[in-house]
N, C-alpha and C. Protein backbone atom coordinates (compact mmCIF):
# COMPACT_ATOMS: atom_id res chain seq x y z
N GLN A 1 -16.47 14.43 -50.84
CA GLN A 1 -16.36 13.22 -50.10
C GLN A 1 -17.67 12.92 -49.39
N VAL A 2 -17.69 11.76 -48.76
CA VAL A 2 -18.82 11.33 -47.97
C VAL A 2 -18.42 11.36 -46.51
N GLN A 3 -19.26 11.95 -45.70
CA GLN A 3 -19.04 11.94 -44.26
C GLN A 3 -19.85 10.82 -43.64
N LEU A 4 -19.22 10.09 -42.75
CA LEU A 4 -19.85 8.94 -42.13
C LEU A 4 -19.76 9.08 -40.62
N VAL A 5 -20.86 8.85 -39.96
CA VAL A 5 -20.92 8.94 -38.51
C VAL A 5 -21.51 7.66 -37.97
N GLU A 6 -20.71 6.93 -37.20
CA GLU A 6 -21.16 5.69 -36.59
C GLU A 6 -21.71 5.94 -35.20
N SER A 7 -22.59 5.06 -34.80
CA SER A 7 -23.11 5.08 -33.45
C SER A 7 -23.58 3.68 -33.09
N GLY A 8 -23.80 3.46 -31.82
CA GLY A 8 -24.36 2.20 -31.36
C GLY A 8 -23.40 1.27 -30.68
N GLY A 9 -22.12 1.59 -30.69
CA GLY A 9 -21.17 0.74 -30.01
C GLY A 9 -21.32 0.81 -28.51
N GLY A 10 -20.67 -0.10 -27.84
CA GLY A 10 -20.73 -0.14 -26.40
C GLY A 10 -20.21 -1.45 -25.87
N SER A 11 -20.51 -1.70 -24.63
CA SER A 11 -20.09 -2.92 -23.95
C SER A 11 -21.29 -3.82 -23.71
N VAL A 12 -21.09 -5.09 -23.96
CA VAL A 12 -22.16 -6.07 -23.80
C VAL A 12 -21.55 -7.39 -23.39
N GLN A 13 -22.31 -8.20 -22.70
CA GLN A 13 -21.85 -9.52 -22.33
C GLN A 13 -22.04 -10.50 -23.47
N ALA A 14 -21.25 -11.55 -23.44
CA ALA A 14 -21.35 -12.58 -24.47
C ALA A 14 -22.78 -13.08 -24.60
N GLY A 15 -23.20 -13.24 -25.84
CA GLY A 15 -24.56 -13.66 -26.12
C GLY A 15 -25.52 -12.51 -26.34
N GLY A 16 -25.09 -11.31 -26.03
CA GLY A 16 -25.93 -10.16 -26.19
C GLY A 16 -25.93 -9.62 -27.60
N SER A 17 -26.60 -8.50 -27.77
CA SER A 17 -26.78 -7.90 -29.09
C SER A 17 -26.48 -6.41 -29.06
N LEU A 18 -26.06 -5.91 -30.19
CA LEU A 18 -25.89 -4.49 -30.41
C LEU A 18 -26.29 -4.19 -31.85
N ARG A 19 -26.73 -2.98 -32.08
CA ARG A 19 -27.00 -2.52 -33.42
C ARG A 19 -26.19 -1.26 -33.70
N LEU A 20 -25.33 -1.34 -34.68
CA LEU A 20 -24.55 -0.20 -35.10
C LEU A 20 -25.26 0.53 -36.24
N SER A 21 -25.12 1.83 -36.23
CA SER A 21 -25.69 2.66 -37.28
C SER A 21 -24.60 3.50 -37.91
N CYS A 22 -24.74 3.76 -39.18
CA CYS A 22 -23.81 4.61 -39.90
C CYS A 22 -24.60 5.53 -40.80
N ALA A 23 -24.56 6.80 -40.49
CA ALA A 23 -25.27 7.80 -41.27
C ALA A 23 -24.31 8.49 -42.24
N ALA A 24 -24.68 8.51 -43.50
CA ALA A 24 -23.84 9.11 -44.53
C ALA A 24 -24.41 10.45 -44.97
N SER A 25 -23.52 11.37 -45.24
CA SER A 25 -23.91 12.67 -45.75
C SER A 25 -22.86 13.14 -46.74
N GLY A 26 -23.17 14.21 -47.43
CA GLY A 26 -22.27 14.72 -48.44
C GLY A 26 -22.60 14.15 -49.81
N TYR A 27 -21.58 13.70 -50.51
CA TYR A 27 -21.76 13.21 -51.87
C TYR A 27 -22.16 11.75 -51.85
N THR A 28 -23.33 11.49 -51.35
CA THR A 28 -23.81 10.11 -51.22
C THR A 28 -24.30 9.52 -52.53
N TYR A 29 -24.51 10.35 -53.51
CA TYR A 29 -25.02 9.89 -54.80
C TYR A 29 -24.15 8.81 -55.42
N SER A 30 -22.86 8.90 -55.23
CA SER A 30 -21.93 8.01 -55.91
C SER A 30 -21.58 6.75 -55.13
N ILE A 31 -22.16 6.53 -54.00
CA ILE A 31 -21.82 5.36 -53.19
C ILE A 31 -22.28 4.09 -53.88
N ASN A 32 -21.36 3.17 -54.06
CA ASN A 32 -21.69 1.86 -54.62
C ASN A 32 -22.03 0.85 -53.53
N SER A 33 -21.25 0.86 -52.48
CA SER A 33 -21.47 -0.07 -51.39
C SER A 33 -21.07 0.58 -50.08
N MET A 34 -21.66 0.08 -49.03
CA MET A 34 -21.30 0.47 -47.68
C MET A 34 -20.83 -0.78 -46.95
N GLY A 35 -19.79 -0.62 -46.19
CA GLY A 35 -19.23 -1.77 -45.50
C GLY A 35 -18.92 -1.48 -44.05
N TRP A 36 -18.88 -2.55 -43.28
CA TRP A 36 -18.42 -2.51 -41.90
C TRP A 36 -17.13 -3.30 -41.80
N PHE A 37 -16.16 -2.70 -41.16
CA PHE A 37 -14.86 -3.32 -40.95
C PHE A 37 -14.53 -3.24 -39.47
N ARG A 38 -13.67 -4.11 -39.03
CA ARG A 38 -13.28 -4.08 -37.63
C ARG A 38 -11.79 -4.38 -37.49
N GLN A 39 -11.24 -3.87 -36.42
CA GLN A 39 -9.85 -4.13 -36.13
C GLN A 39 -9.67 -4.22 -34.62
N ALA A 40 -9.11 -5.32 -34.20
CA ALA A 40 -8.80 -5.54 -32.81
C ALA A 40 -7.30 -5.36 -32.60
N PRO A 41 -6.88 -5.02 -31.40
CA PRO A 41 -5.45 -4.87 -31.14
C PRO A 41 -4.66 -6.11 -31.53
N GLY A 42 -3.60 -5.90 -32.28
CA GLY A 42 -2.75 -6.99 -32.69
C GLY A 42 -3.26 -7.81 -33.85
N LYS A 43 -4.38 -7.42 -34.42
CA LYS A 43 -4.96 -8.17 -35.53
C LYS A 43 -5.12 -7.27 -36.75
N GLU A 44 -5.21 -7.90 -37.89
CA GLU A 44 -5.41 -7.17 -39.13
C GLU A 44 -6.86 -6.71 -39.25
N ARG A 45 -7.05 -5.66 -40.01
CA ARG A 45 -8.39 -5.19 -40.28
C ARG A 45 -9.16 -6.25 -41.05
N GLU A 46 -10.39 -6.43 -40.68
CA GLU A 46 -11.23 -7.46 -41.26
C GLU A 46 -12.51 -6.86 -41.81
N GLY A 47 -12.84 -7.23 -43.02
CA GLY A 47 -14.14 -6.86 -43.57
C GLY A 47 -15.21 -7.72 -42.94
N VAL A 48 -16.20 -7.10 -42.36
CA VAL A 48 -17.24 -7.81 -41.62
C VAL A 48 -18.48 -8.04 -42.47
N ALA A 49 -18.98 -6.98 -43.05
CA ALA A 49 -20.20 -7.06 -43.83
C ALA A 49 -20.26 -5.89 -44.79
N ALA A 50 -20.94 -6.09 -45.90
CA ALA A 50 -21.10 -5.03 -46.88
C ALA A 50 -22.44 -5.18 -47.56
N ILE A 51 -22.93 -4.07 -48.06
CA ILE A 51 -24.19 -4.07 -48.77
C ILE A 51 -24.08 -3.14 -49.97
N TYR A 52 -24.57 -3.59 -51.09
CA TYR A 52 -24.59 -2.75 -52.28
C TYR A 52 -25.87 -1.94 -52.28
N THR A 53 -25.68 -0.64 -52.42
CA THR A 53 -26.80 0.28 -52.23
C THR A 53 -27.87 0.14 -53.30
N GLY A 54 -27.48 -0.22 -54.50
CA GLY A 54 -28.44 -0.33 -55.58
C GLY A 54 -29.30 -1.57 -55.49
N GLY A 55 -28.66 -2.72 -55.52
CA GLY A 55 -29.41 -3.95 -55.53
C GLY A 55 -29.66 -4.57 -54.17
N GLY A 56 -28.94 -4.11 -53.17
CA GLY A 56 -29.14 -4.63 -51.83
C GLY A 56 -28.42 -5.93 -51.53
N SER A 57 -27.56 -6.39 -52.43
CA SER A 57 -26.81 -7.60 -52.17
C SER A 57 -25.92 -7.43 -50.95
N THR A 58 -25.82 -8.46 -50.16
CA THR A 58 -25.04 -8.41 -48.93
C THR A 58 -23.95 -9.45 -48.93
N TYR A 59 -22.89 -9.16 -48.19
CA TYR A 59 -21.74 -10.04 -48.09
C TYR A 59 -21.25 -10.02 -46.65
N TYR A 60 -20.82 -11.19 -46.19
CA TYR A 60 -20.41 -11.33 -44.80
C TYR A 60 -19.13 -12.13 -44.69
N ALA A 61 -18.34 -11.77 -43.71
CA ALA A 61 -17.22 -12.61 -43.34
C ALA A 61 -17.75 -13.91 -42.74
N ASP A 62 -17.02 -14.98 -42.97
CA ASP A 62 -17.45 -16.27 -42.45
C ASP A 62 -17.63 -16.25 -40.93
N SER A 63 -16.82 -15.46 -40.26
CA SER A 63 -16.85 -15.44 -38.81
C SER A 63 -18.13 -14.84 -38.23
N VAL A 64 -18.90 -14.13 -39.03
CA VAL A 64 -20.11 -13.49 -38.52
C VAL A 64 -21.37 -13.97 -39.20
N LYS A 65 -21.27 -14.83 -40.16
CA LYS A 65 -22.46 -15.32 -40.85
C LYS A 65 -23.41 -16.00 -39.87
N GLY A 66 -24.66 -15.66 -40.02
CA GLY A 66 -25.67 -16.22 -39.14
C GLY A 66 -25.87 -15.44 -37.86
N ARG A 67 -24.96 -14.53 -37.56
CA ARG A 67 -25.06 -13.73 -36.34
C ARG A 67 -25.26 -12.25 -36.62
N PHE A 68 -24.64 -11.76 -37.68
CA PHE A 68 -24.72 -10.34 -38.02
C PHE A 68 -25.58 -10.15 -39.25
N THR A 69 -26.28 -9.04 -39.30
CA THR A 69 -27.09 -8.70 -40.46
C THR A 69 -26.87 -7.24 -40.81
N ILE A 70 -26.52 -6.99 -42.06
CA ILE A 70 -26.37 -5.62 -42.52
C ILE A 70 -27.63 -5.24 -43.30
N SER A 71 -28.05 -4.02 -43.13
CA SER A 71 -29.23 -3.53 -43.83
C SER A 71 -29.06 -2.05 -44.11
N GLN A 72 -29.93 -1.51 -44.92
CA GLN A 72 -29.84 -0.11 -45.28
C GLN A 72 -31.20 0.52 -45.34
N ASP A 73 -31.21 1.82 -45.09
CA ASP A 73 -32.38 2.64 -45.26
C ASP A 73 -31.95 3.76 -46.19
N ASN A 74 -32.23 3.60 -47.46
CA ASN A 74 -31.76 4.56 -48.45
C ASN A 74 -32.35 5.95 -48.24
N ALA A 75 -33.57 6.01 -47.77
CA ALA A 75 -34.20 7.30 -47.53
C ALA A 75 -33.45 8.10 -46.47
N LYS A 76 -32.84 7.40 -45.54
CA LYS A 76 -32.09 8.05 -44.47
C LYS A 76 -30.59 8.07 -44.73
N ASN A 77 -30.16 7.47 -45.82
CA ASN A 77 -28.73 7.33 -46.11
C ASN A 77 -28.00 6.69 -44.93
N THR A 78 -28.59 5.65 -44.42
CA THR A 78 -28.07 5.01 -43.23
C THR A 78 -27.95 3.51 -43.45
N VAL A 79 -26.87 2.95 -42.95
CA VAL A 79 -26.67 1.51 -42.97
C VAL A 79 -26.56 1.02 -41.54
N TYR A 80 -27.05 -0.17 -41.30
CA TYR A 80 -27.08 -0.73 -39.96
C TYR A 80 -26.33 -2.06 -39.94
N LEU A 81 -25.83 -2.38 -38.79
CA LEU A 81 -25.27 -3.70 -38.55
C LEU A 81 -25.86 -4.24 -37.27
N GLN A 82 -26.76 -5.19 -37.42
CA GLN A 82 -27.34 -5.86 -36.27
C GLN A 82 -26.44 -7.01 -35.89
N MET A 83 -25.96 -7.00 -34.67
CA MET A 83 -25.03 -8.00 -34.19
C MET A 83 -25.69 -8.78 -33.06
N ASN A 84 -25.90 -10.05 -33.30
CA ASN A 84 -26.50 -10.93 -32.31
C ASN A 84 -25.51 -12.00 -31.90
N SER A 85 -25.80 -12.64 -30.80
CA SER A 85 -24.95 -13.73 -30.29
C SER A 85 -23.50 -13.32 -30.24
N LEU A 86 -23.26 -12.17 -29.69
CA LEU A 86 -21.91 -11.62 -29.68
C LEU A 86 -20.96 -12.49 -28.85
N LYS A 87 -19.74 -12.55 -29.32
CA LYS A 87 -18.69 -13.32 -28.69
C LYS A 87 -17.55 -12.39 -28.29
N PRO A 88 -16.77 -12.78 -27.30
CA PRO A 88 -15.62 -11.95 -26.94
C PRO A 88 -14.70 -11.65 -28.12
N GLU A 89 -14.56 -12.58 -29.03
CA GLU A 89 -13.71 -12.36 -30.18
C GLU A 89 -14.25 -11.33 -31.16
N ASP A 90 -15.48 -10.88 -30.95
CA ASP A 90 -16.03 -9.79 -31.75
C ASP A 90 -15.56 -8.43 -31.26
N THR A 91 -14.90 -8.40 -30.12
CA THR A 91 -14.41 -7.14 -29.57
C THR A 91 -13.44 -6.48 -30.54
N ALA A 92 -13.73 -5.25 -30.90
CA ALA A 92 -12.90 -4.53 -31.87
C ALA A 92 -13.44 -3.12 -32.03
N MET A 93 -12.66 -2.32 -32.71
CA MET A 93 -13.16 -1.05 -33.19
C MET A 93 -13.83 -1.30 -34.53
N TYR A 94 -15.05 -0.88 -34.65
CA TYR A 94 -15.82 -1.09 -35.86
C TYR A 94 -15.91 0.21 -36.66
N TYR A 95 -15.61 0.11 -37.93
CA TYR A 95 -15.60 1.26 -38.82
C TYR A 95 -16.60 1.07 -39.94
N CYS A 96 -17.29 2.13 -40.26
CA CYS A 96 -18.14 2.18 -41.42
C CYS A 96 -17.37 2.83 -42.56
N ALA A 97 -17.56 2.34 -43.76
CA ALA A 97 -16.85 2.87 -44.91
C ALA A 97 -17.75 2.88 -46.14
N ALA A 98 -17.43 3.79 -47.05
CA ALA A 98 -18.18 3.93 -48.30
C ALA A 98 -17.26 3.72 -49.48
N ASN A 99 -17.72 2.94 -50.42
CA ASN A 99 -17.02 2.69 -51.67
C ASN A 99 -17.71 3.49 -52.76
N ARG A 100 -17.00 4.46 -53.31
CA ARG A 100 -17.57 5.32 -54.34
C ARG A 100 -17.03 5.05 -55.73
N LEU A 101 -16.04 4.19 -55.87
CA LEU A 101 -15.35 4.02 -57.14
C LEU A 101 -15.48 2.63 -57.74
N TYR A 102 -15.69 1.63 -56.94
CA TYR A 102 -15.67 0.26 -57.43
C TYR A 102 -16.99 -0.43 -57.18
N SER A 103 -17.36 -1.27 -58.12
CA SER A 103 -18.56 -2.06 -57.98
C SER A 103 -18.24 -3.52 -58.26
N GLY A 104 -19.02 -4.39 -57.67
CA GLY A 104 -18.78 -5.82 -57.83
C GLY A 104 -18.44 -6.47 -56.50
N ARG A 105 -18.78 -7.72 -56.37
CA ARG A 105 -18.63 -8.40 -55.10
C ARG A 105 -17.17 -8.54 -54.67
N TRP A 106 -16.25 -8.53 -55.64
CA TRP A 106 -14.85 -8.67 -55.31
C TRP A 106 -14.38 -7.60 -54.33
N TYR A 107 -14.96 -6.42 -54.42
CA TYR A 107 -14.51 -5.29 -53.61
C TYR A 107 -15.26 -5.14 -52.29
N ALA A 108 -16.27 -5.95 -52.09
CA ALA A 108 -17.22 -5.71 -51.01
C ALA A 108 -16.57 -5.69 -49.63
N LEU A 109 -15.68 -6.61 -49.36
CA LEU A 109 -15.08 -6.74 -48.04
C LEU A 109 -13.59 -6.41 -48.04
N ARG A 110 -13.17 -5.68 -49.02
CA ARG A 110 -11.77 -5.29 -49.13
C ARG A 110 -11.65 -3.80 -48.84
N GLY A 111 -11.13 -3.47 -47.70
CA GLY A 111 -11.09 -2.09 -47.25
C GLY A 111 -10.27 -1.16 -48.12
N GLU A 112 -9.29 -1.71 -48.83
CA GLU A 112 -8.44 -0.86 -49.64
C GLU A 112 -9.19 -0.20 -50.78
N TYR A 113 -10.39 -0.69 -51.10
CA TYR A 113 -11.18 -0.12 -52.17
C TYR A 113 -12.24 0.85 -51.67
N TYR A 114 -12.27 1.08 -50.40
CA TYR A 114 -13.21 2.03 -49.83
C TYR A 114 -12.56 3.39 -49.67
N ASN A 115 -13.32 4.42 -49.90
CA ASN A 115 -12.78 5.76 -50.02
C ASN A 115 -12.97 6.63 -48.79
N ASP A 116 -14.08 6.46 -48.12
CA ASP A 116 -14.43 7.31 -47.00
C ASP A 116 -14.72 6.45 -45.79
N TRP A 117 -14.24 6.92 -44.65
CA TRP A 117 -14.32 6.14 -43.43
C TRP A 117 -14.87 6.97 -42.28
N GLY A 118 -15.62 6.31 -41.43
CA GLY A 118 -16.06 6.94 -40.22
C GLY A 118 -14.99 6.90 -39.15
N GLN A 119 -15.30 7.47 -38.02
CA GLN A 119 -14.32 7.57 -36.94
C GLN A 119 -14.18 6.29 -36.14
N GLY A 120 -15.11 5.39 -36.28
CA GLY A 120 -15.09 4.14 -35.56
C GLY A 120 -15.92 4.18 -34.30
N THR A 121 -16.43 3.03 -33.93
CA THR A 121 -17.16 2.88 -32.68
C THR A 121 -16.72 1.59 -32.03
N GLN A 122 -16.43 1.66 -30.75
CA GLN A 122 -15.87 0.52 -30.05
C GLN A 122 -16.96 -0.45 -29.62
N VAL A 123 -16.72 -1.72 -29.88
CA VAL A 123 -17.58 -2.80 -29.41
C VAL A 123 -16.76 -3.69 -28.51
N THR A 124 -17.21 -3.86 -27.30
CA THR A 124 -16.51 -4.70 -26.33
C THR A 124 -17.47 -5.76 -25.82
N VAL A 125 -17.08 -7.00 -25.96
CA VAL A 125 -17.90 -8.13 -25.54
C VAL A 125 -17.16 -8.87 -24.44
N SER A 126 -17.75 -8.96 -23.29
CA SER A 126 -17.13 -9.62 -22.16
C SER A 126 -17.73 -11.01 -21.97
N SER A 127 -16.93 -11.90 -21.43
CA SER A 127 -17.38 -13.25 -21.19
C SER A 127 -18.00 -13.40 -19.82
């Protein structure tokens, strides 16, 4: 399996920024894509952003387009999520996940196709 460790969460006021990091270890050779997902209390899990490790294609939820940027450093086996212009509605537990079995944009933001998950990092945005 792939082990994932997230960091960078915290509390910030609306309009502020945070950068989340996800470091992957273990069987990283087979990773097709890395994704960020979030879940707030009382809400369904949402795919936020994903990046394909080979070609670097990125995908975003409509709610974060223009504000969030996903990137990767393959040498470090690390994926980042730069979050700008944060809103209170961005408050959630954010999870990093690795897709080792499926390729193609259809799977990018669908958590059910991801195999390995990090422990999550809390992001809280206050107004």
